[in-house]
Amino acid sequence: WMLQEDDGGMFCLEMTPVYVKEMLCDWKGAGKAQKSELSVKEWYENHKTKMRFHPKTRDYLEKLLDERCYRS
């Protein structure tokens, strides 16, 4: 979802909903594999400042985190 530009900068591409959902499932699975007690939403809140997303992707991601089972 990130594209490196010729000048070395980074450009965030908008992710489709299916890939955002897949990413959330990956995060949830990784948390279970690592026996983390954090929910996906808690993990995201702790790490979101280190992640770059297209603004529309971030909005959709955060909407899903608020609505779905990623809160617990």
PDB file of N, CA and C in Angstrom:
ATOM      1  N   TRP A   1       0.805  -1.192   0.000  1.00  0.00           N
ATOM      2  CA  TRP A   1       0.000   0.000   0.000  1.00  0.00           C
ATOM      3  C   TRP A   1       0.851   1.260   0.000  1.00  0.00           C
ATOM      4  N   MET A   2       2.181   1.081   0.003  1.00  0.00           N
ATOM      5  CA  MET A   2       3.074   2.233  -0.064  1.00  0.00           C
ATOM      6  C   MET A   2       3.936   2.136  -1.314  1.00  0.00           C
ATOM      7  N   LEU A   3       4.136   3.254  -1.935  1.00  0.00           N
ATOM      8  CA  LEU A   3       4.899   3.326  -3.169  1.00  0.00           C
ATOM      9  C   LEU A   3       6.057   4.289  -2.958  1.00  0.00           C
ATOM     10  N   GLN A   4       7.267   3.821  -3.271  1.00  0.00           N
ATOM     11  CA  GLN A   4       8.426   4.702  -3.147  1.00  0.00           C
ATOM     12  C   GLN A   4       8.546   5.526  -4.419  1.00  0.00           C
ATOM     13  N   GLU A   5       8.669   6.827  -4.255  1.00  0.00           N
ATOM     14  CA  GLU A   5       8.800   7.735  -5.379  1.00  0.00           C
ATOM     15  C   GLU A   5      10.264   7.859  -5.780  1.00  0.00           C
ATOM     16  N   ASP A   6      10.507   8.355  -6.980  1.00  0.00           N
ATOM     17  CA  ASP A   6      11.869   8.483  -7.499  1.00  0.00           C
ATOM     18  C   ASP A   6      12.765   9.342  -6.606  1.00  0.00           C
ATOM     19  N   ASP A   7      12.176  10.325  -5.935  1.00  0.00           N
ATOM     20  CA  ASP A   7      12.975  11.210  -5.078  1.00  0.00           C
ATOM     21  C   ASP A   7      13.229  10.611  -3.694  1.00  0.00           C
ATOM     22  N   GLY A   8      12.790   9.364  -3.484  1.00  0.00           N
ATOM     23  CA  GLY A   8      13.003   8.691  -2.209  1.00  0.00           C
ATOM     24  C   GLY A   8      11.848   8.826  -1.236  1.00  0.00           C
ATOM     25  N   GLY A   9      10.883   9.685  -1.565  1.00  0.00           N
ATOM     26  CA  GLY A   9       9.716   9.845  -0.700  1.00  0.00           C
ATOM     27  C   GLY A   9       8.781   8.649  -0.803  1.00  0.00           C
ATOM     28  N   MET A  10       7.824   8.602   0.085  1.00  0.00           N
ATOM     29  CA  MET A  10       6.851   7.513   0.088  1.00  0.00           C
ATOM     30  C   MET A  10       5.463   8.080  -0.171  1.00  0.00           C
ATOM     31  N   PHE A  11       4.676   7.320  -0.912  1.00  0.00           N
ATOM     32  CA  PHE A  11       3.315   7.698  -1.245  1.00  0.00           C
ATOM     33  C   PHE A  11       2.399   6.564  -0.817  1.00  0.00           C
ATOM     34  N   CYS A  12       1.414   6.859  -0.012  1.00  0.00           N
ATOM     35  CA  CYS A  12       0.483   5.829   0.463  1.00  0.00           C
ATOM     36  C   CYS A  12      -0.661   5.670  -0.525  1.00  0.00           C
ATOM     37  N   LEU A  13      -0.866   4.448  -0.961  1.00  0.00           N
ATOM     38  CA  LEU A  13      -1.965   4.132  -1.861  1.00  0.00           C
ATOM     39  C   LEU A  13      -3.191   3.734  -1.047  1.00  0.00           C
ATOM     40  N   GLU A  14      -4.368   4.019  -1.573  1.00  0.00           N
ATOM     41  CA  GLU A  14      -5.592   3.601  -0.904  1.00  0.00           C
ATOM     42  C   GLU A  14      -5.739   2.086  -1.023  1.00  0.00           C
ATOM     43  N   MET A  15      -6.023   1.435   0.080  1.00  0.00           N
ATOM     44  CA  MET A  15      -6.228  -0.015   0.088  1.00  0.00           C
ATOM     45  C   MET A  15      -7.715  -0.302  -0.123  1.00  0.00           C
ATOM     46  N   THR A  16      -8.012  -1.378  -0.837  1.00  0.00           N
ATOM     47  CA  THR A  16      -9.403  -1.771  -1.014  1.00  0.00           C
ATOM     48  C   THR A  16      -9.923  -2.364   0.296  1.00  0.00           C
ATOM     49  N   PRO A  17     -11.234  -2.310   0.512  1.00  0.00           N
ATOM     50  CA  PRO A  17     -11.799  -2.849   1.757  1.00  0.00           C
ATOM     51  C   PRO A  17     -11.400  -4.294   2.040  1.00  0.00           C
ATOM     52  N   VAL A  18     -11.351  -5.125   1.029  1.00  0.00           N
ATOM     53  CA  VAL A  18     -11.014  -6.534   1.265  1.00  0.00           C
ATOM     54  C   VAL A  18      -9.598  -6.675   1.829  1.00  0.00           C
ATOM     55  N   TYR A  19      -8.662  -5.849   1.379  1.00  0.00           N
ATOM     56  CA  TYR A  19      -7.292  -5.933   1.882  1.00  0.00           C
ATOM     57  C   TYR A  19      -7.156  -5.323   3.278  1.00  0.00           C
ATOM     58  N   VAL A  20      -7.964  -4.317   3.578  1.00  0.00           N
ATOM     59  CA  VAL A  20      -7.958  -3.763   4.938  1.00  0.00           C
ATOM     60  C   VAL A  20      -8.465  -4.824   5.911  1.00  0.00           C
ATOM     61  N   LYS A  21      -9.541  -5.516   5.540  1.00  0.00           N
ATOM     62  CA  LYS A  21     -10.085  -6.581   6.392  1.00  0.00           C
ATOM     63  C   LYS A  21      -9.079  -7.717   6.552  1.00  0.00           C
ATOM     64  N   GLU A  22      -8.393  -8.063   5.467  1.00  0.00           N
ATOM     65  CA  GLU A  22      -7.377  -9.119   5.539  1.00  0.00           C
ATOM     66  C   GLU A  22      -6.246  -8.710   6.486  1.00  0.00           C
ATOM     67  N   MET A  23      -5.835  -7.448   6.423  1.00  0.00           N
ATOM     68  CA  MET A  23      -4.778  -6.953   7.297  1.00  0.00           C
ATOM     69  C   MET A  23      -5.206  -7.052   8.765  1.00  0.00           C
ATOM     70  N   LEU A  24      -6.450  -6.691   9.053  1.00  0.00           N
ATOM     71  CA  LEU A  24      -6.949  -6.792  10.424  1.00  0.00           C
ATOM     72  C   LEU A  24      -6.965  -8.240  10.903  1.00  0.00           C
ATOM     73  N   CYS A  25      -7.350  -9.145  10.027  1.00  0.00           N
ATOM     74  CA  CYS A  25      -7.322 -10.575  10.385  1.00  0.00           C
ATOM     75  C   CYS A  25      -5.890 -11.029  10.652  1.00  0.00           C
ATOM     76  N   ASP A  26      -4.946 -10.548   9.847  1.00  0.00           N
ATOM     77  CA  ASP A  26      -3.531 -10.878  10.068  1.00  0.00           C
ATOM     78  C   ASP A  26      -3.074 -10.372  11.435  1.00  0.00           C
ATOM     79  N   TRP A  27      -3.448  -9.146  11.768  1.00  0.00           N
ATOM     80  CA  TRP A  27      -3.068  -8.583  13.060  1.00  0.00           C
ATOM     81  C   TRP A  27      -3.667  -9.399  14.197  1.00  0.00           C
ATOM     82  N   LYS A  28      -4.926  -9.789  14.043  1.00  0.00           N
ATOM     83  CA  LYS A  28      -5.586 -10.582  15.086  1.00  0.00           C
ATOM     84  C   LYS A  28      -4.890 -11.933  15.249  1.00  0.00           C
ATOM     85  N   GLY A  29      -4.574 -12.579  14.128  1.00  0.00           N
ATOM     86  CA  GLY A  29      -3.876 -13.863  14.177  1.00  0.00           C
ATOM     87  C   GLY A  29      -2.494 -13.741  14.791  1.00  0.00           C
ATOM     88  N   ALA A  30      -1.780 -12.676  14.453  1.00  0.00           N
ATOM     89  CA  ALA A  30      -0.443 -12.464  15.018  1.00  0.00           C
ATOM     90  C   ALA A  30      -0.530 -12.267  16.528  1.00  0.00           C
ATOM     91  N   GLY A  31      -1.540 -11.547  16.976  1.00  0.00           N
ATOM     92  CA  GLY A  31      -1.718 -11.347  18.413  1.00  0.00           C
ATOM     93  C   GLY A  31      -1.971 -12.660  19.142  1.00  0.00           C
ATOM     94  N   LYS A  32      -2.785 -13.517  18.530  1.00  0.00           N
ATOM     95  CA  LYS A  32      -3.052 -14.830  19.139  1.00  0.00           C
ATOM     96  C   LYS A  32      -1.786 -15.682  19.157  1.00  0.00           C
ATOM     97  N   ALA A  33      -1.042 -15.671  18.046  1.00  0.00           N
ATOM     98  CA  ALA A  33       0.186 -16.468  17.961  1.00  0.00           C
ATOM     99  C   ALA A  33       1.215 -16.012  18.994  1.00  0.00           C
ATOM    100  N   GLN A  34       1.241 -14.714  19.268  1.00  0.00           N
ATOM    101  CA  GLN A  34       2.190 -14.163  20.240  1.00  0.00           C
ATOM    102  C   GLN A  34       1.630 -14.156  21.663  1.00  0.00           C
ATOM    103  N   LYS A  35       0.414 -14.693  21.797  1.00  0.00           N
ATOM    104  CA  LYS A  35      -0.260 -14.754  23.103  1.00  0.00           C
ATOM    105  C   LYS A  35      -0.389 -13.365  23.749  1.00  0.00           C
ATOM    106  N   SER A  36      -0.656 -12.381  22.903  1.00  0.00           N
ATOM    107  CA  SER A  36      -0.833 -11.013  23.387  1.00  0.00           C
ATOM    108  C   SER A  36      -2.198 -10.875  24.061  1.00  0.00           C
ATOM    109  N   GLU A  37      -2.237 -10.105  25.121  1.00  0.00           N
ATOM    110  CA  GLU A  37      -3.498  -9.834  25.804  1.00  0.00           C
ATOM    111  C   GLU A  37      -4.175  -8.585  25.258  1.00  0.00           C
ATOM    112  N   LEU A  38      -3.522  -7.899  24.323  1.00  0.00           N
ATOM    113  CA  LEU A  38      -4.102  -6.702  23.721  1.00  0.00           C
ATOM    114  C   LEU A  38      -5.107  -7.081  22.648  1.00  0.00           C
ATOM    115  N   SER A  39      -6.190  -6.323  22.558  1.00  0.00           N
ATOM    116  CA  SER A  39      -7.098  -6.478  21.427  1.00  0.00           C
ATOM    117  C   SER A  39      -6.424  -5.851  20.203  1.00  0.00           C
ATOM    118  N   VAL A  40      -6.964  -6.119  19.032  1.00  0.00           N
ATOM    119  CA  VAL A  40      -6.417  -5.514  17.814  1.00  0.00           C
ATOM    120  C   VAL A  40      -6.517  -3.993  17.912  1.00  0.00           C
ATOM    121  N   LYS A  41      -7.637  -3.509  18.416  1.00  0.00           N
ATOM    122  CA  LYS A  41      -7.806  -2.060  18.556  1.00  0.00           C
ATOM    123  C   LYS A  41      -6.774  -1.475  19.517  1.00  0.00           C
ATOM    124  N   GLU A  42      -6.532  -2.131  20.642  1.00  0.00           N
ATOM    125  CA  GLU A  42      -5.526  -1.646  21.596  1.00  0.00           C
ATOM    126  C   GLU A  42      -4.136  -1.662  20.966  1.00  0.00           C
ATOM    127  N   TRP A  43      -3.818  -2.736  20.230  1.00  0.00           N
ATOM    128  CA  TRP A  43      -2.522  -2.824  19.561  1.00  0.00           C
ATOM    129  C   TRP A  43      -2.373  -1.684  18.556  1.00  0.00           C
ATOM    130  N   TYR A  44      -3.426  -1.456  17.762  1.00  0.00           N
ATOM    131  CA  TYR A  44      -3.396  -0.380  16.771  1.00  0.00           C
ATOM    132  C   TYR A  44      -3.188   0.974  17.452  1.00  0.00           C
ATOM    133  N   GLU A  45      -3.924   1.231  18.520  1.00  0.00           N
ATOM    134  CA  GLU A  45      -3.787   2.513  19.229  1.00  0.00           C
ATOM    135  C   GLU A  45      -2.355   2.718  19.722  1.00  0.00           C
ATOM    136  N   ASN A  46      -1.697   1.646  20.120  1.00  0.00           N
ATOM    137  CA  ASN A  46      -0.311   1.735  20.602  1.00  0.00           C
ATOM    138  C   ASN A  46       0.704   1.933  19.482  1.00  0.00           C
ATOM    139  N   HIS A  47       0.341   1.577  18.250  1.00  0.00           N
ATOM    140  CA  HIS A  47       1.305   1.596  17.147  1.00  0.00           C
ATOM    141  C   HIS A  47       0.934   2.510  15.977  1.00  0.00           C
ATOM    142  N   LYS A  48      -0.230   3.127  16.002  1.00  0.00           N
ATOM    143  CA  LYS A  48      -0.714   3.858  14.830  1.00  0.00           C
ATOM    144  C   LYS A  48       0.175   5.024  14.416  1.00  0.00           C
ATOM    145  N   THR A  49       0.904   5.613  15.346  1.00  0.00           N
ATOM    146  CA  THR A  49       1.760   6.739  14.972  1.00  0.00           C
ATOM    147  C   THR A  49       2.963   6.289  14.145  1.00  0.00           C
ATOM    148  N   LYS A  50       3.256   4.983  14.162  1.00  0.00           N
ATOM    149  CA  LYS A  50       4.384   4.444  13.400  1.00  0.00           C
ATOM    150  C   LYS A  50       3.962   3.920  12.030  1.00  0.00           C
ATOM    151  N   MET A  51       2.645   3.923  11.759  1.00  0.00           N
ATOM    152  CA  MET A  51       2.133   3.351  10.511  1.00  0.00           C
ATOM    153  C   MET A  51       1.614   4.443   9.594  1.00  0.00           C
ATOM    154  N   ARG A  52       1.922   4.282   8.318  1.00  0.00           N
ATOM    155  CA  ARG A  52       1.460   5.248   7.325  1.00  0.00           C
ATOM    156  C   ARG A  52       0.394   4.602   6.458  1.00  0.00           C
ATOM    157  N   PHE A  53      -0.729   5.284   6.323  1.00  0.00           N
ATOM    158  CA  PHE A  53      -1.829   4.831   5.481  1.00  0.00           C
ATOM    159  C   PHE A  53      -2.379   6.009   4.693  1.00  0.00           C
ATOM    160  N   HIS A  54      -2.986   5.710   3.565  1.00  0.00           N
ATOM    161  CA  HIS A  54      -3.764   6.708   2.836  1.00  0.00           C
ATOM    162  C   HIS A  54      -4.874   7.171   3.784  1.00  0.00           C
ATOM    163  N   PRO A  55      -5.237   8.452   3.780  1.00  0.00           N
ATOM    164  CA  PRO A  55      -6.274   8.932   4.704  1.00  0.00           C
ATOM    165  C   PRO A  55      -7.592   8.150   4.624  1.00  0.00           C
ATOM    166  N   LYS A  56      -8.019   7.781   3.421  1.00  0.00           N
ATOM    167  CA  LYS A  56      -9.268   7.011   3.293  1.00  0.00           C
ATOM    168  C   LYS A  56      -9.110   5.610   3.873  1.00  0.00           C
ATOM    169  N   THR A  57      -7.933   5.030   3.711  1.00  0.00           N
ATOM    170  CA  THR A  57      -7.671   3.707   4.282  1.00  0.00           C
ATOM    171  C   THR A  57      -7.697   3.782   5.802  1.00  0.00           C
ATOM    172  N   ARG A  58      -7.047   4.793   6.367  1.00  0.00           N
ATOM    173  CA  ARG A  58      -7.033   4.944   7.829  1.00  0.00           C
ATOM    174  C   ARG A  58      -8.451   5.150   8.359  1.00  0.00           C
ATOM    175  N   ASP A  59      -9.243   5.964   7.676  1.00  0.00           N
ATOM    176  CA  ASP A  59     -10.623   6.188   8.114  1.00  0.00           C
ATOM    177  C   ASP A  59     -11.413   4.886   8.124  1.00  0.00           C
ATOM    178  N   TYR A  60     -11.282   4.097   7.064  1.00  0.00           N
ATOM    179  CA  TYR A  60     -12.010   2.828   6.978  1.00  0.00           C
ATOM    180  C   TYR A  60     -11.506   1.848   8.036  1.00  0.00           C
ATOM    181  N   LEU A  61     -10.207   1.767   8.200  1.00  0.00           N
ATOM    182  CA  LEU A  61      -9.596   0.893   9.201  1.00  0.00           C
ATOM    183  C   LEU A  61     -10.118   1.230  10.599  1.00  0.00           C
ATOM    184  N   GLU A  62     -10.124   2.496  10.939  1.00  0.00           N
ATOM    185  CA  GLU A  62     -10.579   2.905  12.265  1.00  0.00           C
ATOM    186  C   GLU A  62     -12.077   2.690  12.439  1.00  0.00           C
ATOM    187  N   LYS A  63     -12.835   2.836  11.366  1.00  0.00           N
ATOM    188  CA  LYS A  63     -14.272   2.538  11.419  1.00  0.00           C
ATOM    189  C   LYS A  63     -14.484   1.059  11.742  1.00  0.00           C
ATOM    190  N   LEU A  64     -13.750   0.185  11.067  1.00  0.00           N
ATOM    191  CA  LEU A  64     -13.871  -1.250  11.335  1.00  0.00           C
ATOM    192  C   LEU A  64     -13.466  -1.582  12.766  1.00  0.00           C
ATOM    193  N   LEU A  65     -12.402  -0.970  13.233  1.00  0.00           N
ATOM    194  CA  LEU A  65     -11.938  -1.229  14.599  1.00  0.00           C
ATOM    195  C   LEU A  65     -12.981  -0.810  15.635  1.00  0.00           C
ATOM    196  N   ASP A  66     -13.744   0.219  15.340  1.00  0.00           N
ATOM    197  CA  ASP A  66     -14.781   0.672  16.264  1.00  0.00           C
ATOM    198  C   ASP A  66     -16.032  -0.202  16.202  1.00  0.00           C
ATOM    199  N   GLU A  67     -16.301  -0.803  15.044  1.00  0.00           N
ATOM    200  CA  GLU A  67     -17.552  -1.524  14.831  1.00  0.00           C
ATOM    201  C   GLU A  67     -17.478  -3.014  15.110  1.00  0.00           C
ATOM    202  N   ARG A  68     -16.350  -3.616  14.949  1.00  0.00           N
ATOM    203  CA  ARG A  68     -16.276  -5.070  14.895  1.00  0.00           C
ATOM    204  C   ARG A  68     -15.649  -5.704  16.120  1.00  0.00           C
ATOM    205  N   CYS A  69     -15.361  -6.973  15.990  1.00  0.00           N
ATOM    206  CA  CYS A  69     -14.860  -7.789  17.103  1.00  0.00           C
ATOM    207  C   CYS A  69     -13.388  -7.529  17.411  1.00  0.00           C
ATOM    208  N   TYR A  70     -12.791  -6.534  16.796  1.00  0.00           N
ATOM    209  CA  TYR A  70     -11.371  -6.264  17.023  1.00  0.00           C
ATOM    210  C   TYR A  70     -11.146  -5.511  18.328  1.00  0.00           C
ATOM    211  N   ARG A  71     -12.237  -5.187  19.021  1.00  0.00           N
ATOM    212  CA  ARG A  71     -12.133  -4.412  20.258  1.00  0.00           C
ATOM    213  C   ARG A  71     -11.798  -5.273  21.459  1.00  0.00           C
ATOM    214  N   SER A  72     -12.021  -6.574  21.349  1.00  0.00           N
ATOM    215  CA  SER A  72     -11.763  -7.426  22.520  1.00  0.00           C
ATOM    216  C   SER A  72     -10.950  -8.636  22.143  1.00  0.00           C
TER     217      SER A  72
END
